[in-house]
């Protein structure tokens, strides 16, 4: 999930080309609603989102789903500035496409 539609679109396109089923959300409420109504194993989650921050979404997901859903933060912030307690992975923007694929393969394996 990313509020920047081009970033979300890139991630979605790449993962679909590699055989993954993908849904996209652009804000926290939409993300939580989709997770509640579907089955997800992995979420790529931007930290800086309108309305509800990515780390707040991750905390909510951890309360309900514990570690059943893997969360990878995708953010412009350096790792040293991010509390990754509720994340399983981290990718800094700008990212290389292979980083997205590698994280998906590792998290869903």
Protein backbone atom coordinates (compact mmCIF):
# COMPACT_ATOMS: atom_id res chain seq x y z
CA UNK A 1 0.00 0.00 0.00
CA UNK A 2 1.32 3.38 -0.99
CA UNK A 3 -0.37 6.75 -1.39
CA UNK A 4 1.77 7.43 -4.45
CA UNK A 5 -0.16 5.70 -7.19
CA UNK A 6 2.89 5.33 -9.44
CA UNK A 7 4.86 3.53 -6.72
CA UNK A 8 1.91 1.31 -5.83
CA UNK A 9 1.34 0.63 -9.51
CA UNK A 10 4.97 -0.36 -10.06
CA UNK A 11 4.93 -2.76 -7.12
CA UNK A 12 1.61 -4.21 -8.25
CA UNK A 13 2.71 -4.69 -11.86
CA UNK A 14 6.00 -6.34 -10.91
CA UNK A 15 4.38 -8.75 -8.48
CA UNK A 16 1.61 -9.67 -10.92
CA UNK A 17 4.21 -10.43 -13.60
CA UNK A 18 5.81 -12.83 -11.12
CA UNK A 19 2.55 -14.67 -10.50
CA UNK A 20 1.32 -13.02 -7.31
CA UNK A 21 -2.29 -12.00 -6.70
CA UNK A 22 -2.20 -8.32 -5.83
CA UNK A 23 -4.58 -5.73 -4.41
CA UNK A 24 -3.72 -2.08 -3.96
CA UNK A 25 -4.85 0.42 -1.35
CA UNK A 26 -3.97 4.10 -1.10
CA UNK A 27 -4.77 4.92 2.52
CA UNK A 28 -4.94 3.21 5.90
CA UNK A 29 -8.68 2.72 6.12
CA UNK A 30 -8.82 1.14 2.67
CA UNK A 31 -5.96 -1.18 3.62
CA UNK A 32 -7.56 -2.32 6.86
CA UNK A 33 -10.90 -2.86 5.11
CA UNK A 34 -9.30 -4.98 2.38
CA UNK A 35 -7.39 -7.07 4.91
CA UNK A 36 -10.57 -7.63 6.92
CA UNK A 37 -12.42 -8.83 3.81
CA UNK A 38 -9.66 -10.92 2.24
CA UNK A 39 -6.81 -13.32 2.79
CA UNK A 40 -3.37 -11.77 2.68
CA UNK A 41 0.04 -13.22 3.36
CA UNK A 42 2.15 -10.14 2.64
CA UNK A 43 1.65 -6.37 2.67
CA UNK A 44 4.09 -3.82 1.28
CA UNK A 45 3.31 -0.80 3.43
CA UNK A 46 4.43 2.81 3.12
CA UNK A 47 4.97 4.47 6.49
CA UNK A 48 3.90 7.98 5.50
CA UNK A 49 0.26 7.74 4.45
CA UNK A 50 -2.63 10.16 4.64
CA UNK A 51 -5.06 9.64 7.50
CA UNK A 52 -3.39 6.73 9.28
CA UNK A 53 0.36 6.16 9.26
CA UNK A 54 1.81 2.90 8.04
CA UNK A 55 3.25 2.07 11.44
CA UNK A 56 -0.20 2.59 13.02
CA UNK A 57 -1.66 0.23 10.41
CA UNK A 58 1.05 -2.32 11.18
CA UNK A 59 0.26 -2.13 14.91
CA UNK A 60 -3.45 -2.73 14.14
CA UNK A 61 -2.61 -5.68 11.91
CA UNK A 62 -0.35 -7.20 14.56
CA UNK A 63 -3.15 -7.00 17.16
CA UNK A 64 -5.54 -8.95 14.96
CA UNK A 65 -3.34 -11.15 12.80
CA UNK A 66 -0.13 -11.39 14.87
CA UNK A 67 2.53 -12.63 12.44
CA UNK A 68 0.18 -14.41 10.01
CA UNK A 69 0.52 -11.48 7.62
CA UNK A 70 4.06 -10.41 6.77
CA UNK A 71 4.63 -6.66 6.56
CA UNK A 72 7.40 -5.00 4.57
CA UNK A 73 7.83 -1.28 5.04
CA UNK A 74 8.57 0.65 1.85
CA UNK A 75 9.55 4.21 2.68
CA UNK A 76 11.81 7.08 1.78
CA UNK A 77 13.00 7.30 5.38
CA UNK A 78 16.33 5.66 6.24
CA UNK A 79 16.05 2.47 8.29
CA UNK A 80 17.74 4.17 11.25
CA UNK A 81 14.80 6.61 11.49
CA UNK A 82 12.06 3.97 11.40
CA UNK A 83 10.70 1.83 14.21
CA UNK A 84 10.55 -1.54 12.48
CA UNK A 85 9.20 -3.42 15.50
CA UNK A 86 5.98 -4.38 13.71
CA UNK A 87 7.59 -5.03 10.30
CA UNK A 88 9.13 -8.19 8.92
CA UNK A 89 11.13 -6.40 6.24
CA UNK A 90 12.26 -2.98 5.05
CA UNK A 91 12.87 -1.45 1.62
CA UNK A 92 14.02 2.14 1.20
CA UNK A 93 12.79 4.27 -1.70
CA UNK A 94 13.95 4.61 -4.35
CA UNK A 95 14.10 0.84 -4.64
CA UNK A 96 15.20 -1.58 -7.29
CA UNK A 97 12.52 -3.87 -8.70
CA UNK A 98 14.52 -6.93 -7.69
CA UNK A 99 14.25 -5.84 -4.03
CA UNK A 100 10.45 -6.12 -4.22
CA UNK A 101 10.63 -9.54 -5.86
CA UNK A 102 13.23 -10.80 -3.37
CA UNK A 103 11.17 -9.66 -0.38
CA UNK A 104 8.04 -11.31 -1.79
CA UNK A 105 9.90 -14.56 -2.38
CA UNK A 106 11.46 -14.55 1.10
CA UNK A 107 8.30 -13.56 2.97
CA UNK A 108 5.96 -15.97 1.21
CA UNK A 109 8.34 -18.93 0.98
